[in-house]
Amino acid sequence: MSNASKKFRSGFVAIIGRPNVGKSTLMNQVIGQKIAIMSDKPQTTRNKIHGVYTTDDYQIVFLDTPGIHKPQSKLGDYMMKVAQSTFSEVDAVLFLIDVVDGIGGGDRFIIEQLKHVKTPVILVMNKIDQVHPEALLPIISQYKELYDFAEIVPISARQGNNVNTLLDQVRKYLNEGPQYYPSDQVTDHPEQFVCAELIREKILHKTREEIPHSIAVQIESMRVKPNGMVDIGAVIFVERDSQKGIIIGKQGSLLKEIGREARMDIERLLGSKIFLELWVKVKKDWRNQERVLKDLGFRHD
């Protein structure tokens, strides 16, 4: 078939799963660069991240949704609504599971949500590099008993194993349609959003207990200087004074470390040298304040 007679296909695909099964890792692997932050802390992803994958004959817009869980704050409630609203907006759903952990209550909870969905659901069995191939068959049987999946694809998101096979399967569910984004565009989020997320990722890696869920990052200023360097000013919001002290660290040591590592990632993203200035501010109980959540970009729309 000649290229002229080939029909271009496009569509939207949601990546869902309980927290920490590798959704962001899969998105970054497919796109070929980091647009979604990765951490071993649950609820790392708070907004729908749109990643765009384009070939000569099709384009997939991926939505990496917040991990589906039972909410415990207004922020958690927002995250759940975002994840669930995605189901009806897409051409296919990728339900990612962790084959190392096996089936758990969180997976069963998601399957119950999926029973109300008409969209085709592909079961994506992640982390196959960490188990013996024979261990996969009983897991497949368990999931098949619970839901009639359109396809079942074992992968390793981190290693990239079988990811091309997964893309081939997804392509079958795309309809003829326009190319929504230019070929070289990998996300529809503004650079400020991705920069803020990269800073937040460094904090997640370097803190523990309640801190990861208590932080938000907002880019307050971003300007390009005549010499091409980009000046970025960012605020890290926490909920309590004690958390502010932890983020800053002894004589500012932790904040400097966060800034240094984030700067390296942001320079790779922007392709230019940057000067990054970080401040830490306390916004008491911000996760339960509607107005603050809206100011920080957490909107139901």
Protein backbone atom coordinates (compact mmCIF):
# COMPACT_ATOMS: atom_id res chain seq x y z
CA MET A 1 0.00 0.00 0.00
CA SER A 2 1.47 3.39 -0.91
CA ASN A 3 1.99 6.04 1.76
CA ALA A 4 -0.52 8.31 -0.02
CA SER A 5 -3.34 5.80 0.45
CA LYS A 6 -2.48 4.99 4.07
CA LYS A 7 -4.99 6.42 6.52
CA PHE A 8 -3.57 8.24 9.55
CA ARG A 9 -4.88 6.99 12.89
CA SER A 10 -4.93 8.75 16.23
CA GLY A 11 -6.44 8.40 19.65
CA PHE A 12 -6.22 8.83 23.41
CA VAL A 13 -5.08 6.05 25.73
CA ALA A 14 -5.22 6.09 29.54
CA ILE A 15 -2.56 4.38 31.65
CA ILE A 16 -4.17 3.34 34.94
CA GLY A 17 -3.19 1.18 37.88
CA ARG A 18 -2.74 1.35 41.60
CA PRO A 19 0.03 3.63 42.86
CA ASN A 20 3.64 2.65 42.15
CA VAL A 21 3.17 -0.03 39.45
CA GLY A 22 5.30 1.80 36.88
CA LYS A 23 2.83 4.02 34.98
CA SER A 24 5.20 6.99 34.71
CA THR A 25 8.12 4.69 33.84
CA LEU A 26 6.10 3.24 30.95
CA MET A 27 5.12 6.71 29.71
CA ASN A 28 8.73 7.92 29.75
CA GLN A 29 9.93 4.71 28.03
CA VAL A 30 7.42 5.12 25.18
CA ILE A 31 8.01 8.85 24.72
CA GLY A 32 11.80 8.45 24.91
CA GLN A 33 12.38 11.18 27.48
CA LYS A 34 11.32 12.12 30.98
CA ILE A 35 7.99 13.96 31.10
CA ALA A 36 6.41 12.14 34.06
CA ILE A 37 8.23 12.00 37.38
CA MET A 38 9.17 8.69 38.93
CA SER A 39 9.39 7.78 42.58
CA ASP A 40 8.79 4.76 44.79
CA LYS A 41 6.38 6.89 46.85
CA PRO A 42 2.67 6.28 46.15
CA GLN A 43 0.56 9.09 44.62
CA THR A 44 3.54 10.59 42.80
CA THR A 45 1.40 11.61 39.80
CA ARG A 46 -1.23 14.19 40.73
CA ASN A 47 -2.39 15.52 37.35
CA LYS A 48 -3.23 13.77 34.09
CA ILE A 49 0.10 13.90 32.24
CA HIS A 50 -0.38 13.95 28.48
CA GLY A 51 2.48 12.22 26.63
CA VAL A 52 2.45 12.22 22.84
CA TYR A 53 3.88 9.36 20.73
CA THR A 54 3.93 9.92 16.96
CA THR A 55 4.97 7.71 14.03
CA ASP A 56 4.49 8.21 10.27
CA ASP A 57 1.02 6.65 10.34
CA TYR A 58 -0.39 7.10 13.85
CA GLN A 59 -0.33 9.25 16.98
CA ILE A 60 -1.18 8.13 20.52
CA VAL A 61 -1.86 10.70 23.23
CA PHE A 62 -1.19 8.94 26.55
CA LEU A 63 -2.80 10.05 29.79
CA ASP A 64 -0.79 8.96 32.82
CA THR A 65 -3.45 9.26 35.52
CA PRO A 66 -2.99 9.51 39.28
CA GLY A 67 -2.86 6.08 40.92
CA ILE A 68 -6.36 4.87 41.79
CA HIS A 69 -6.80 4.65 45.56
CA LYS A 70 -9.32 5.42 48.29
CA PRO A 71 -9.00 9.19 48.92
CA GLN A 72 -8.13 10.65 52.34
CA SER A 73 -8.08 14.40 51.57
CA LYS A 74 -9.57 16.87 49.09
CA LEU A 75 -6.40 16.46 47.02
CA GLY A 76 -6.88 12.67 47.12
CA ASP A 77 -10.52 13.12 46.11
CA TYR A 78 -9.45 15.34 43.20
CA MET A 79 -6.89 12.72 42.09
CA MET A 80 -9.49 9.94 42.10
CA LYS A 81 -12.00 12.02 40.10
CA VAL A 82 -9.29 12.78 37.53
CA ALA A 83 -8.40 9.09 37.17
CA GLN A 84 -12.01 7.90 36.90
CA SER A 85 -13.15 10.63 34.47
CA THR A 86 -10.42 9.49 32.10
CA PHE A 87 -12.07 6.12 31.40
CA SER A 88 -14.89 7.55 29.28
CA GLU A 89 -12.66 9.99 27.36
CA VAL A 90 -10.28 7.53 25.72
CA ASP A 91 -10.08 4.92 22.93
CA ALA A 92 -8.34 2.32 25.09
CA VAL A 93 -7.30 1.82 28.70
CA LEU A 94 -3.97 0.27 29.71
CA PHE A 95 -4.41 -1.36 33.13
CA LEU A 96 -0.89 -1.74 34.49
CA ILE A 97 -0.17 -4.35 37.15
CA ASP A 98 2.98 -5.36 39.03
CA VAL A 99 3.63 -9.09 38.50
CA VAL A 100 6.10 -9.16 41.41
CA ASP A 101 3.46 -8.10 43.95
CA GLY A 102 0.72 -10.28 42.47
CA ILE A 103 -2.96 -9.38 42.60
CA GLY A 104 -3.95 -7.23 45.57
CA GLY A 105 -6.90 -5.33 47.00
CA GLY A 106 -5.97 -2.22 44.99
CA ASP A 107 -6.08 -4.17 41.71
CA ARG A 108 -9.47 -5.68 42.60
CA PHE A 109 -10.77 -2.20 43.47
CA ILE A 110 -9.75 -0.93 40.00
CA ILE A 111 -11.31 -3.93 38.24
CA GLU A 112 -14.60 -3.12 39.99
CA GLN A 113 -14.38 0.44 38.56
CA LEU A 114 -13.62 -0.98 35.09
CA LYS A 115 -16.80 -3.08 35.08
CA HIS A 116 -18.76 0.11 34.32
CA VAL A 117 -16.53 1.01 31.35
CA LYS A 118 -17.27 0.28 27.68
CA THR A 119 -13.74 1.20 26.51
CA PRO A 120 -11.43 -1.74 25.59
CA VAL A 121 -9.06 -2.54 28.48
CA ILE A 122 -5.59 -3.99 27.83
CA LEU A 123 -3.99 -5.76 30.80
CA VAL A 124 -0.31 -4.74 30.89
CA MET A 125 1.75 -7.05 33.11
CA ASN A 126 4.75 -4.96 34.18
CA LYS A 127 8.14 -5.95 35.72
CA ILE A 128 8.42 -9.30 33.89
CA ASP A 129 12.23 -8.92 34.09
CA GLN A 130 11.92 -9.62 37.84
CA VAL A 131 10.04 -12.97 37.71
CA HIS A 132 10.43 -16.37 36.03
CA PRO A 133 8.29 -16.61 32.82
CA GLU A 134 6.41 -19.63 34.26
CA ALA A 135 5.15 -17.45 37.11
CA LEU A 136 3.11 -15.36 34.64
CA LEU A 137 0.59 -18.06 33.65
CA PRO A 138 -1.20 -18.35 37.03
CA ILE A 139 -1.32 -14.54 37.28
CA ILE A 140 -2.92 -14.31 33.81
CA SER A 141 -5.52 -16.93 34.85
CA GLN A 142 -6.39 -14.99 38.02
CA TYR A 143 -6.98 -11.75 36.11
CA LYS A 144 -8.93 -13.46 33.30
CA GLU A 145 -11.38 -14.79 35.89
CA LEU A 146 -12.06 -11.25 37.11
CA TYR A 147 -12.40 -9.35 33.83
CA ASP A 148 -12.65 -9.89 30.07
CA PHE A 149 -9.57 -8.01 28.86
CA ALA A 150 -9.27 -7.03 25.19
CA GLU A 151 -5.55 -7.99 25.19
CA ILE A 152 -2.95 -9.16 27.71
CA VAL A 153 0.64 -7.95 27.17
CA PRO A 154 3.61 -8.73 29.49
CA ILE A 155 6.29 -5.99 29.52
CA SER A 156 9.17 -4.47 31.44
CA ALA A 157 8.63 -0.70 31.37
CA ARG A 158 12.06 -0.01 32.87
CA GLN A 159 13.99 -2.26 30.47
CA GLY A 160 11.73 -1.58 27.47
CA ASN A 161 11.01 -5.31 26.92
CA ASN A 162 7.94 -5.91 24.74
CA VAL A 163 6.94 -2.21 24.77
CA ASN A 164 6.85 -2.17 20.93
CA THR A 165 4.46 -5.16 21.01
CA LEU A 166 2.24 -3.20 23.38
CA LEU A 167 2.22 -0.22 20.98
CA ASP A 168 1.24 -2.54 18.11
CA GLN A 169 -1.71 -3.79 20.19
CA VAL A 170 -2.79 -0.25 21.12
CA ARG A 171 -2.67 0.82 17.45
CA LYS A 172 -5.51 -1.64 16.67
CA TYR A 173 -7.89 0.43 18.80
CA LEU A 174 -7.13 3.79 17.18
CA ASN A 175 -9.60 5.24 14.69
CA GLU A 176 -8.85 7.24 11.59
CA GLY A 177 -8.19 10.74 12.81
CA PRO A 178 -6.06 13.87 12.75
CA GLN A 179 -2.55 14.37 14.08
CA TYR A 180 -3.39 16.39 17.20
CA TYR A 181 0.17 17.50 17.97
CA PRO A 182 3.29 18.25 15.87
CA SER A 183 5.59 15.23 15.37
CA ASP A 184 8.32 16.62 17.64
CA GLN A 185 6.00 17.47 20.56
CA VAL A 186 6.12 14.92 23.41
CA THR A 187 3.76 16.51 25.94
CA ASP A 188 0.96 19.07 25.99
CA HIS A 189 2.03 20.43 29.37
CA PRO A 190 3.78 23.80 29.45
CA GLU A 191 7.47 23.72 30.32
CA GLN A 192 6.74 25.35 33.69
CA PHE A 193 4.61 22.35 34.71
CA VAL A 194 7.30 19.81 33.80
CA CYS A 195 9.99 21.90 35.54
CA ALA A 196 7.89 22.04 38.73
CA GLU A 197 7.35 18.27 38.55
CA LEU A 198 11.11 17.62 38.16
CA ILE A 199 11.78 19.67 41.31
CA ARG A 200 9.04 17.75 43.16
CA GLU A 201 10.60 14.46 42.05
CA LYS A 202 13.92 15.36 43.72
CA ILE A 203 12.11 16.16 46.98
CA LEU A 204 10.26 12.81 46.82
CA HIS A 205 13.59 11.00 46.43
CA LYS A 206 15.19 12.77 49.39
CA THR A 207 12.43 12.85 52.00
CA ARG A 208 10.23 10.30 53.71
CA GLU A 209 7.15 9.77 55.85
CA GLU A 210 4.59 12.57 55.55
CA ILE A 211 6.75 15.02 53.58
CA PRO A 212 6.15 13.66 50.05
CA HIS A 213 2.37 14.13 50.27
CA SER A 214 2.66 17.55 51.93
CA ILE A 215 4.60 19.30 49.16
CA ALA A 216 3.60 21.18 46.04
CA VAL A 217 5.87 23.11 43.70
CA GLN A 218 4.95 26.22 41.74
CA ILE A 219 7.13 28.02 39.18
CA GLU A 220 6.79 31.72 39.98
CA SER A 221 9.06 33.11 37.26
CA MET A 222 10.82 31.84 34.15
CA ARG A 223 12.67 34.18 31.80
CA VAL A 224 15.37 33.83 29.17
CA LYS A 225 18.33 36.21 29.58
CA PRO A 226 20.12 37.79 26.56
CA ASN A 227 22.97 35.24 26.94
CA GLY A 228 20.47 32.35 26.52
CA MET A 229 20.52 31.28 30.18
CA VAL A 230 17.07 30.68 31.71
CA ASP A 231 16.32 32.16 35.15
CA ILE A 232 13.76 30.10 37.09
CA GLY A 233 12.25 30.95 40.46
CA ALA A 234 10.22 28.22 42.18
CA VAL A 235 8.35 27.95 45.47
CA ILE A 236 8.07 24.68 47.40
CA PHE A 237 4.91 24.69 49.53
CA VAL A 238 4.69 22.59 52.71
CA GLU A 239 1.95 22.32 55.34
CA ARG A 240 3.93 22.85 58.56
CA ASP A 241 6.94 24.82 59.83
CA SER A 242 8.68 21.58 60.86
CA GLN A 243 8.45 20.36 57.24
CA LYS A 244 10.00 23.61 56.03
CA GLY A 245 13.02 22.91 58.24
CA ILE A 246 13.36 19.37 56.87
CA ILE A 247 13.24 20.52 53.21
CA ILE A 248 15.83 23.27 53.82
CA GLY A 249 18.11 20.93 55.79
CA LYS A 250 21.10 21.79 57.96
CA GLN A 251 22.47 25.16 56.81
CA GLY A 252 20.40 24.82 53.63
CA SER A 253 22.18 21.62 52.58
CA LEU A 254 19.14 19.60 51.44
CA LEU A 255 17.59 22.48 49.50
CA LYS A 256 20.93 23.00 47.69
CA GLU A 257 21.04 19.29 46.81
CA ILE A 258 17.44 19.36 45.51
CA GLY A 259 18.25 22.45 43.44
CA ARG A 260 21.44 20.98 41.98
CA GLU A 261 19.81 17.72 40.87
CA ALA A 262 16.66 19.41 39.55
CA ARG A 263 18.78 21.90 37.61
CA MET A 264 20.55 19.07 35.75
CA ASP A 265 17.21 17.49 34.68
CA ILE A 266 15.70 20.85 33.69
CA GLU A 267 18.78 21.73 31.62
CA ARG A 268 18.31 18.45 29.72
CA LEU A 269 14.62 19.26 29.22
CA LEU A 270 15.14 22.84 28.01
CA GLY A 271 18.46 22.29 26.21
CA SER A 272 20.01 25.38 27.82
CA LYS A 273 21.83 26.45 30.98
CA ILE A 274 19.57 27.51 33.84
CA PHE A 275 19.83 29.44 37.09
CA LEU A 276 17.39 27.93 39.59
CA GLU A 277 16.32 29.71 42.77
CA LEU A 278 14.16 27.83 45.31
CA TRP A 279 12.10 29.13 48.23
CA VAL A 280 10.17 27.12 50.82
CA LYS A 281 6.85 28.50 52.11
CA VAL A 282 4.28 27.14 54.58
CA LYS A 283 0.62 26.93 53.44
CA LYS A 284 -1.19 25.26 56.31
CA ASP A 285 -3.32 22.23 55.33
CA TRP A 286 -3.19 23.21 51.62
CA ARG A 287 -4.35 19.75 50.47
CA ASN A 288 -7.82 20.41 51.92
CA GLN A 289 -8.27 24.01 50.70
CA GLU A 290 -10.17 24.28 47.41
CA ARG A 291 -8.79 27.75 46.58
CA VAL A 292 -5.18 26.75 47.19
CA LEU A 293 -5.62 23.55 45.14
CA LYS A 294 -6.95 25.63 42.22
CA ASP A 295 -4.04 28.11 42.53
CA LEU A 296 -1.63 25.16 42.34
CA GLY A 297 -3.26 23.81 39.18
CA PHE A 298 -5.43 21.01 40.61
CA ARG A 299 -8.67 21.64 38.71
CA HIS A 300 -11.51 19.18 38.05
CA ASP A 301 -11.75 20.47 34.48
